[in-house]
C-alpha atoms as a PDB file:
ATOM      1  CA  MET A   1       0.000   0.000   0.000  1.00  0.00           C
ATOM      2  CA  ASN A   2       1.216   3.474  -0.877  1.00  0.00           C
ATOM      3  CA  ILE A   3      -0.226   5.711   1.813  1.00  0.00           C
ATOM      4  CA  PRO A   4       0.923   9.357   1.857  1.00  0.00           C
ATOM      5  CA  SER A   5       2.673  10.268   5.088  1.00  0.00           C
ATOM      6  CA  LEU A   6       0.860  12.603   7.465  1.00  0.00           C
ATOM      7  CA  LYS A   7       3.958  13.352   9.540  1.00  0.00           C
ATOM      8  CA  GLU A   8       4.273  16.885   8.156  1.00  0.00           C
ATOM      9  CA  VAL A   9       0.503  17.434   8.133  1.00  0.00           C
ATOM     10  CA  VAL A  10      -0.367  16.872  11.777  1.00  0.00           C
ATOM     11  CA  SER A  11       1.170  18.201  14.981  1.00  0.00           C
ATOM     12  CA  ALA A  12       4.173  16.479  16.543  1.00  0.00           C
ATOM     13  CA  GLU A  13       1.951  15.446  19.474  1.00  0.00           C
ATOM     14  CA  GLU A  14      -0.634  13.849  17.181  1.00  0.00           C
ATOM     15  CA  TRP A  15       2.063  12.130  15.138  1.00  0.00           C
ATOM     16  CA  GLN A  16       3.526  10.481  18.239  1.00  0.00           C
ATOM     17  CA  LEU A  17       0.032   9.366  19.236  1.00  0.00           C
ATOM     18  CA  ARG A  18      -0.433   7.905  15.752  1.00  0.00           C
ATOM     19  CA  VAL A  19       2.852   6.002  15.989  1.00  0.00           C
ATOM     20  CA  ASP A  20       1.952   4.623  19.429  1.00  0.00           C
ATOM     21  CA  LEU A  21      -1.552   3.609  18.339  1.00  0.00           C
ATOM     22  CA  ALA A  22      -0.248   1.928  15.176  1.00  0.00           C
ATOM     23  CA  ALA A  23       2.256   0.086  17.378  1.00  0.00           C
ATOM     24  CA  CYS A  24      -0.592  -1.024  19.630  1.00  0.00           C
ATOM     25  CA  TYR A  25      -2.511  -2.440  16.666  1.00  0.00           C
ATOM     26  CA  ARG A  26       0.585  -4.337  15.511  1.00  0.00           C
ATOM     27  CA  LEU A  27       1.190  -5.702  19.013  1.00  0.00           C
ATOM     28  CA  VAL A  28      -2.432  -6.821  19.336  1.00  0.00           C
ATOM     29  CA  ALA A  29      -1.958  -8.747  16.087  1.00  0.00           C
ATOM     30  CA  ALA A  30       1.379 -10.159  17.244  1.00  0.00           C
ATOM     31  CA  TYR A  31      -0.149 -11.463  20.476  1.00  0.00           C
ATOM     32  CA  GLY A  32      -3.034 -13.090  18.595  1.00  0.00           C
ATOM     33  CA  TRP A  33      -5.836 -10.902  19.934  1.00  0.00           C
ATOM     34  CA  SER A  34      -7.118  -9.537  16.624  1.00  0.00           C
ATOM     35  CA  ASP A  35     -10.320 -10.694  14.945  1.00  0.00           C
ATOM     36  CA  LEU A  36      -9.587 -10.248  11.228  1.00  0.00           C
ATOM     37  CA  VAL A  37     -10.552  -6.599  10.518  1.00  0.00           C
ATOM     38  CA  PHE A  38     -13.064  -6.424  13.360  1.00  0.00           C
ATOM     39  CA  THR A  39     -12.786  -4.768  16.791  1.00  0.00           C
ATOM     40  CA  HIS A  40     -11.073  -1.447  17.341  1.00  0.00           C
ATOM     41  CA  ILE A  41      -8.562   0.474  19.379  1.00  0.00           C
ATOM     42  CA  SER A  42      -9.335   4.184  19.656  1.00  0.00           C
ATOM     43  CA  ALA A  43      -7.247   7.040  21.017  1.00  0.00           C
ATOM     44  CA  ARG A  44      -8.355  10.515  22.011  1.00  0.00           C
ATOM     45  CA  ILE A  45      -6.276  13.339  20.532  1.00  0.00           C
ATOM     46  CA  PRO A  46      -5.534  15.925  23.246  1.00  0.00           C
ATOM     47  CA  GLY A  47      -7.386  19.202  22.766  1.00  0.00           C
ATOM     48  CA  PRO A  48     -10.875  20.699  22.943  1.00  0.00           C
ATOM     49  CA  GLU A  49     -12.006  19.367  19.548  1.00  0.00           C
ATOM     50  CA  HIS A  50     -12.917  15.845  20.780  1.00  0.00           C
ATOM     51  CA  HIS A  51     -11.163  14.149  17.886  1.00  0.00           C
ATOM     52  CA  PHE A  52     -10.111  10.504  17.868  1.00  0.00           C
ATOM     53  CA  LEU A  53      -7.922   8.097  15.924  1.00  0.00           C
ATOM     54  CA  ILE A  54      -9.314   4.740  14.846  1.00  0.00           C
ATOM     55  CA  ASN A  55      -8.366   1.976  12.442  1.00  0.00           C
ATOM     56  CA  PRO A  56      -9.139   2.156   8.722  1.00  0.00           C
ATOM     57  CA  TYR A  57     -11.885  -0.419   8.257  1.00  0.00           C
ATOM     58  CA  GLY A  58     -10.752  -3.286   6.054  1.00  0.00           C
ATOM     59  CA  LEU A  59      -7.073  -3.353   6.993  1.00  0.00           C
ATOM     60  CA  MET A  60      -5.697  -6.195   9.081  1.00  0.00           C
ATOM     61  CA  PHE A  61      -4.173  -5.020  12.345  1.00  0.00           C
ATOM     62  CA  ASP A  62      -0.665  -5.962  11.173  1.00  0.00           C
ATOM     63  CA  GLU A  63      -1.074  -3.642   8.158  1.00  0.00           C
ATOM     64  CA  ILE A  64      -1.940  -0.498  10.085  1.00  0.00           C
ATOM     65  CA  THR A  65       0.469   2.437   9.997  1.00  0.00           C
ATOM     66  CA  ALA A  66       0.578   5.826  11.673  1.00  0.00           C
ATOM     67  CA  SER A  67      -0.574   7.576   8.478  1.00  0.00           C
ATOM     68  CA  SER A  68      -3.372   5.103   7.683  1.00  0.00           C
ATOM     69  CA  LEU A  69      -5.178   5.727  10.985  1.00  0.00           C
ATOM     70  CA  VAL A  70      -8.359   7.731  10.433  1.00  0.00           C
ATOM     71  CA  LYS A  71      -9.067  10.914  12.386  1.00  0.00           C
ATOM     72  CA  VAL A  72     -12.752  11.238  13.312  1.00  0.00           C
ATOM     73  CA  ASP A  73     -15.000  13.373  15.486  1.00  0.00           C
ATOM     74  CA  GLN A  74     -17.379  12.182  18.215  1.00  0.00           C
ATOM     75  CA  GLN A  75     -19.946  11.164  15.548  1.00  0.00           C
ATOM     76  CA  CYS A  76     -17.297   9.206  13.601  1.00  0.00           C
ATOM     77  CA  ASN A  77     -17.149  11.740  10.745  1.00  0.00           C
ATOM     78  CA  LYS A  78     -13.744  11.988   9.093  1.00  0.00           C
ATOM     79  CA  VAL A  79     -11.782  15.083  10.090  1.00  0.00           C
ATOM     80  CA  ILE A  80      -8.908  14.468   7.672  1.00  0.00           C
ATOM     81  CA  ASP A  81      -9.748  12.991   4.280  1.00  0.00           C
ATOM     82  CA  SER A  82      -8.812   9.328   3.982  1.00  0.00           C
ATOM     83  CA  GLU A  83      -9.181   6.782   1.218  1.00  0.00           C
ATOM     84  CA  PHE A  84     -10.205   4.238   3.828  1.00  0.00           C
ATOM     85  CA  PRO A  85     -13.723   3.777   5.223  1.00  0.00           C
ATOM     86  CA  VAL A  86     -14.495   3.787   8.918  1.00  0.00           C
ATOM     87  CA  ASN A  87     -16.978   1.595  10.740  1.00  0.00           C
ATOM     88  CA  PRO A  88     -19.429   3.820  12.675  1.00  0.00           C
ATOM     89  CA  ALA A  89     -21.035   0.779  14.286  1.00  0.00           C
ATOM     90  CA  GLY A  90     -17.690  -0.250  15.736  1.00  0.00           C
ATOM     91  CA  PHE A  91     -17.157   3.215  17.172  1.00  0.00           C
ATOM     92  CA  VAL A  92     -20.401   3.253  19.194  1.00  0.00           C
ATOM     93  CA  ILE A  93     -18.878   1.438  22.177  1.00  0.00           C
ATOM     94  CA  HIS A  94     -15.678   3.466  22.018  1.00  0.00           C
ATOM     95  CA  SER A  95     -17.437   6.811  21.705  1.00  0.00           C
ATOM     96  CA  ALA A  96     -19.621   5.921  24.689  1.00  0.00           C
ATOM     97  CA  VAL A  97     -16.572   5.379  26.879  1.00  0.00           C
ATOM     98  CA  HIS A  98     -14.700   8.445  25.619  1.00  0.00           C
ATOM     99  CA  GLU A  99     -17.812  10.589  26.064  1.00  0.00           C
ATOM    100  CA  ALA A 100     -18.234   9.607  29.712  1.00  0.00           C
ATOM    101  CA  ARG A 101     -14.592   9.332  30.753  1.00  0.00           C
ATOM    102  CA  ASP A 102     -12.357  12.374  30.371  1.00  0.00           C
ATOM    103  CA  ASP A 103      -9.598  10.432  32.138  1.00  0.00           C
ATOM    104  CA  VAL A 104      -9.394   7.882  29.309  1.00  0.00           C
ATOM    105  CA  GLN A 105      -7.155   8.359  26.295  1.00  0.00           C
ATOM    106  CA  CYS A 106      -7.310   4.836  24.830  1.00  0.00           C
ATOM    107  CA  VAL A 107     -10.086   2.253  24.573  1.00  0.00           C
ATOM    108  CA  LEU A 108      -9.094  -1.264  23.483  1.00  0.00           C
ATOM    109  CA  HIS A 109     -11.711  -3.904  22.665  1.00  0.00           C
ATOM    110  CA  THR A 110     -11.134  -7.551  21.706  1.00  0.00           C
ATOM    111  CA  HIS A 111     -13.073 -10.661  20.672  1.00  0.00           C
ATOM    112  CA  THR A 112     -10.532 -13.297  21.716  1.00  0.00           C
ATOM    113  CA  ARG A 113     -11.644 -16.876  22.238  1.00  0.00           C
ATOM    114  CA  ALA A 114     -10.718 -16.828  25.919  1.00  0.00           C
ATOM    115  CA  GLY A 115     -12.319 -13.429  26.499  1.00  0.00           C
ATOM    116  CA  VAL A 116     -15.597 -14.339  24.841  1.00  0.00           C
ATOM    117  CA  ALA A 117     -15.642 -17.720  26.594  1.00  0.00           C
ATOM    118  CA  VAL A 118     -15.326 -16.211  30.068  1.00  0.00           C
ATOM    119  CA  SER A 119     -17.779 -13.437  29.169  1.00  0.00           C
ATOM    120  CA  ALA A 120     -20.335 -16.206  28.586  1.00  0.00           C
ATOM    121  CA  GLN A 121     -19.764 -17.725  32.031  1.00  0.00           C
ATOM    122  CA  LYS A 122     -22.300 -16.707  34.659  1.00  0.00           C
ATOM    123  CA  CYS A 123     -19.547 -16.481  37.293  1.00  0.00           C
ATOM    124  CA  GLY A 124     -17.550 -13.964  35.277  1.00  0.00           C
ATOM    125  CA  ILE A 125     -13.978 -13.414  36.467  1.00  0.00           C
ATOM    126  CA  LEU A 126     -13.031 -15.675  39.366  1.00  0.00           C
ATOM    127  CA  PRO A 127     -10.400 -14.657  41.959  1.00  0.00           C
ATOM    128  CA  ILE A 128      -8.088 -17.574  41.224  1.00  0.00           C
ATOM    129  CA  SER A 129      -4.875 -15.925  40.014  1.00  0.00           C
ATOM    130  CA  GLN A 130      -2.685 -12.946  40.783  1.00  0.00           C
ATOM    131  CA  GLN A 131      -3.680 -11.514  37.401  1.00  0.00           C
ATOM    132  CA  SER A 132      -7.358 -11.741  38.297  1.00  0.00           C
ATOM    133  CA  THR A 133      -6.865  -9.635  41.424  1.00  0.00           C
ATOM    134  CA  PHE A 134      -5.749  -6.670  39.288  1.00  0.00           C
ATOM    135  CA  VAL A 135      -8.772  -7.064  37.021  1.00  0.00           C
ATOM    136  CA  LEU A 136     -11.200  -7.462  39.915  1.00  0.00           C
ATOM    137  CA  ALA A 137      -9.850  -4.232  41.404  1.00  0.00           C
ATOM    138  CA  SER A 138     -11.628  -2.271  38.670  1.00  0.00           C
ATOM    139  CA  LEU A 139     -14.096  -4.553  36.864  1.00  0.00           C
ATOM    140  CA  ALA A 140     -17.610  -3.958  35.534  1.00  0.00           C
ATOM    141  CA  TYR A 141     -20.025  -5.977  33.383  1.00  0.00           C
ATOM    142  CA  HIS A 142     -22.398  -4.978  30.574  1.00  0.00           C
ATOM    143  CA  GLU A 143     -25.150  -7.300  29.336  1.00  0.00           C
ATOM    144  CA  TYR A 144     -25.284  -8.239  25.658  1.00  0.00           C
ATOM    145  CA  GLU A 145     -27.755  -6.205  23.585  1.00  0.00           C
ATOM    146  CA  GLY A 146     -26.842  -7.458  20.127  1.00  0.00           C
ATOM    147  CA  VAL A 147     -24.386  -5.918  17.671  1.00  0.00           C
ATOM    148  CA  ALA A 148     -23.475  -2.544  19.165  1.00  0.00           C
ATOM    149  CA  PHE A 149     -24.599  -0.091  16.495  1.00  0.00           C
ATOM    150  CA  ARG A 150     -27.423   1.729  18.324  1.00  0.00           C
ATOM    151  CA  ASP A 151     -26.672   4.961  20.152  1.00  0.00           C
ATOM    152  CA  GLU A 152     -29.487   4.171  22.589  1.00  0.00           C
ATOM    153  CA  GLU A 153     -27.244   1.527  24.183  1.00  0.00           C
ATOM    154  CA  LYS A 154     -24.584   4.073  25.118  1.00  0.00           C
ATOM    155  CA  PRO A 155     -26.178   5.394  28.356  1.00  0.00           C
ATOM    156  CA  ARG A 156     -26.594   1.867  29.694  1.00  0.00           C
ATOM    157  CA  LEU A 157     -23.011   0.950  28.838  1.00  0.00           C
ATOM    158  CA  GLN A 158     -21.760   4.161  30.468  1.00  0.00           C
ATOM    159  CA  ALA A 159     -23.791   3.496  33.603  1.00  0.00           C
ATOM    160  CA  ASP A 160     -22.567  -0.102  33.828  1.00  0.00           C
ATOM    161  CA  MET A 161     -18.922   0.845  33.351  1.00  0.00           C
ATOM    162  CA  GLY A 162     -18.880   3.793  35.715  1.00  0.00           C
ATOM    163  CA  ARG A 163     -15.262   4.471  36.742  1.00  0.00           C
ATOM    164  CA  ALA A 164     -14.051   0.918  36.081  1.00  0.00           C
ATOM    165  CA  ASN A 165     -11.091   0.355  33.773  1.00  0.00           C
ATOM    166  CA  PHE A 166     -11.955  -3.240  32.856  1.00  0.00           C
ATOM    167  CA  LEU A 167     -15.324  -3.991  31.245  1.00  0.00           C
ATOM    168  CA  MET A 168     -16.557  -7.473  30.410  1.00  0.00           C
ATOM    169  CA  LEU A 169     -19.087  -7.298  27.590  1.00  0.00           C
ATOM    170  CA  ARG A 170     -21.257 -10.322  28.245  1.00  0.00           C
ATOM    171  CA  ASN A 171     -21.284 -12.878  25.379  1.00  0.00           C
ATOM    172  CA  HIS A 172     -19.144 -10.447  23.402  1.00  0.00           C
ATOM    173  CA  GLY A 173     -15.618  -9.869  24.658  1.00  0.00           C
ATOM    174  CA  LEU A 174     -13.277  -7.658  26.652  1.00  0.00           C
ATOM    175  CA  LEU A 175     -12.752  -3.916  26.861  1.00  0.00           C
ATOM    176  CA  VAL A 176     -10.213  -1.834  28.729  1.00  0.00           C
ATOM    177  CA  ALA A 177      -9.875   1.910  29.224  1.00  0.00           C
ATOM    178  CA  GLY A 178      -6.436   3.410  29.768  1.00  0.00           C
ATOM    179  CA  LYS A 179      -5.107   6.858  30.577  1.00  0.00           C
ATOM    180  CA  SER A 180      -2.538   6.132  27.855  1.00  0.00           C
ATOM    181  CA  ILE A 181      -2.087   3.680  25.010  1.00  0.00           C
ATOM    182  CA  ALA A 182       0.626   1.929  27.020  1.00  0.00           C
ATOM    183  CA  ASP A 183      -1.670   1.460  30.004  1.00  0.00           C
ATOM    184  CA  ALA A 184      -4.510   0.182  27.831  1.00  0.00           C
ATOM    185  CA  PHE A 185      -2.277  -2.433  26.217  1.00  0.00           C
ATOM    186  CA  LEU A 186      -0.938  -3.712  29.536  1.00  0.00           C
ATOM    187  CA  SER A 187      -4.452  -3.789  30.984  1.00  0.00           C
ATOM    188  CA  MET A 188      -5.639  -5.932  28.083  1.00  0.00           C
ATOM    189  CA  TYR A 189      -2.601  -8.187  28.461  1.00  0.00           C
ATOM    190  CA  THR A 190      -3.623  -8.746  32.095  1.00  0.00           C
ATOM    191  CA  PHE A 191      -7.334  -9.173  31.247  1.00  0.00           C
ATOM    192  CA  GLU A 192      -6.611 -11.685  28.491  1.00  0.00           C
ATOM    193  CA  ALA A 193      -4.164 -13.632  30.667  1.00  0.00           C
ATOM    194  CA  THR A 194      -6.769 -13.741  33.451  1.00  0.00           C
ATOM    195  CA  CYS A 195      -9.306 -15.320  31.097  1.00  0.00           C
ATOM    196  CA  GLN A 196      -6.838 -17.827  29.652  1.00  0.00           C
ATOM    197  CA  ILE A 197      -5.702 -18.887  33.130  1.00  0.00           C
ATOM    198  CA  GLN A 198      -9.295 -19.268  34.300  1.00  0.00           C
ATOM    199  CA  LEU A 199     -10.251 -21.532  31.407  1.00  0.00           C
ATOM    200  CA  SER A 200      -7.120 -23.651  31.915  1.00  0.00           C
ATOM    201  CA  ALA A 201      -7.753 -23.944  35.654  1.00  0.00           C
ATOM    202  CA  GLN A 202     -11.392 -24.916  35.133  1.00  0.00           C
ATOM    203  CA  ALA A 203     -10.255 -27.797  32.933  1.00  0.00           C
ATOM    204  CA  GLY A 204      -8.390 -29.285  35.893  1.00  0.00           C
ATOM    205  CA  GLY A 205      -9.348 -30.080  39.464  1.00  0.00           C
ATOM    206  CA  GLU A 206     -11.054 -28.148  42.237  1.00  0.00           C
ATOM    207  CA  LEU A 207     -10.190 -24.458  42.252  1.00  0.00           C
ATOM    208  CA  THR A 208      -8.578 -22.540  45.101  1.00  0.00           C
ATOM    209  CA  GLN A 209      -9.726 -18.937  45.315  1.00  0.00           C
ATOM    210  CA  VAL A 210      -7.672 -15.983  46.517  1.00  0.00           C
ATOM    211  CA  ASN A 211      -8.585 -14.740  49.990  1.00  0.00           C
ATOM    212  CA  PRO A 212     -11.220 -11.974  49.599  1.00  0.00           C
ATOM    213  CA  MET A 213      -9.196  -9.701  51.884  1.00  0.00           C
ATOM    214  CA  ILE A 214      -6.246  -9.923  49.490  1.00  0.00           C
ATOM    215  CA  VAL A 215      -8.509  -9.030  46.578  1.00  0.00           C
ATOM    216  CA  LYS A 216      -9.867  -6.101  48.558  1.00  0.00           C
ATOM    217  CA  GLY A 217      -6.339  -4.979  49.391  1.00  0.00           C
ATOM    218  CA  VAL A 218      -5.324  -4.960  45.740  1.00  0.00           C
ATOM    219  CA  SER A 219      -8.439  -2.961  44.925  1.00  0.00           C
ATOM    220  CA  GLU A 220      -7.586  -0.347  47.539  1.00  0.00           C
ATOM    221  CA  ALA A 221      -3.946  -0.163  46.392  1.00  0.00           C
ATOM    222  CA  MET A 222      -4.986   0.285  42.759  1.00  0.00           C
ATOM    223  CA  ARG A 223      -7.398   3.026  43.765  1.00  0.00           C
ATOM    224  CA  VAL A 224      -4.842   5.162  45.605  1.00  0.00           C
ATOM    225  CA  GLN A 225      -1.768   4.701  43.440  1.00  0.00           C
ATOM    226  CA  THR A 226      -1.395   6.623  40.180  1.00  0.00           C
ATOM    227  CA  GLY A 227       0.787   4.369  38.065  1.00  0.00           C
ATOM    228  CA  GLY A 228      -1.922   1.969  36.925  1.00  0.00           C
ATOM    229  CA  LEU A 229      -0.489  -1.443  36.107  1.00  0.00           C
ATOM    230  CA  GLY A 230       2.801   0.130  35.037  1.00  0.00           C
ATOM    231  CA  GLY A 231       2.220   0.345  31.303  1.00  0.00           C
ATOM    232  CA  ALA A 232       4.764   3.136  30.943  1.00  0.00           C
ATOM    233  CA  PHE A 233       7.474   0.789  32.231  1.00  0.00           C
ATOM    234  CA  VAL A 234       6.556  -2.065  29.898  1.00  0.00           C
ATOM    235  CA  TRP A 235       5.836  -0.026  26.750  1.00  0.00           C
ATOM    236  CA  PRO A 236       9.479   0.769  25.761  1.00  0.00           C
ATOM    237  CA  SER A 237      10.355  -2.931  25.807  1.00  0.00           C
ATOM    238  CA  LEU A 238       7.306  -3.714  23.681  1.00  0.00           C
ATOM    239  CA  ILE A 239       8.348  -1.059  21.162  1.00  0.00           C
ATOM    240  CA  ARG A 240      11.840  -2.562  21.000  1.00  0.00           C
ATOM    241  CA  LYS A 241      10.268  -5.972  20.406  1.00  0.00           C
ATOM    242  CA  LEU A 242       8.084  -4.563  17.631  1.00  0.00           C
ATOM    243  CA  ASP A 243      10.975  -2.704  16.017  1.00  0.00           C
ATOM    244  CA  ARG A 244      12.918  -5.946  15.776  1.00  0.00           C
ATOM    245  CA  MET A 245       9.959  -7.474  13.932  1.00  0.00           C
ATOM    246  CA  ASP A 246       8.851  -4.678  11.595  1.00  0.00           C
ATOM    247  CA  GLN A 247       9.200  -0.900  11.779  1.00  0.00           C
ATOM    248  CA  SER A 248       6.741  -0.058   9.002  1.00  0.00           C
ATOM    249  CA  TYR A 249       4.082   0.934  11.546  1.00  0.00           C
ATOM    250  CA  LYS A 250       5.944   4.244  11.954  1.00  0.00           C
ATOM    251  CA  THR A 251       5.228   5.389   8.396  1.00  0.00           C
END
């Protein structure tokens, strides 16, 4: 694909956000969390305009570059002309979160097999691993209402999510909200690992659950500390990993 570079068109701040978001898409593909061209990762561009970056609909996640990302407004209208279409239906969930949460820069949503499987379990996330304690510290659930293309669902999703950073979409998949792209990626890594561990543990013998007081302690610690799960510490190593694989996401 020959996509004109936007590096000299947008601000330096937006360009860096584009590079980081393109890297996030590539990493999601590398870790096997993508669902062909479906699902999205959105990022809010700082400023009063309420503009967002989202994937060009039809590209695989491992094809996405900084310049191919589409800039849209709150209604998913293109702000910068792009040859690629966008999927307004896919942006409904993301716009709902961004609209209600000024503290969120990045929303990452997946349809992984493990995530959808646990989302279909009545018990939801069980406190059976260290990873699960981080998720349970800030977890909410939203009931399935069909393919999310109706704006009327947004108030219910916003109410269900509240101030949580992990949202399990029942019978649908996983969603995380991060104050940065780095934090969102690490949160999804933890959420996905939690679901995979739970399914593996359920295939074995009787489960041992973490003491509720420990879970409560993690919740309180996560609430008062400001570093999240430490995405900023992990992100540079992930970028180095990605650069060793393919640096075309930066174009």
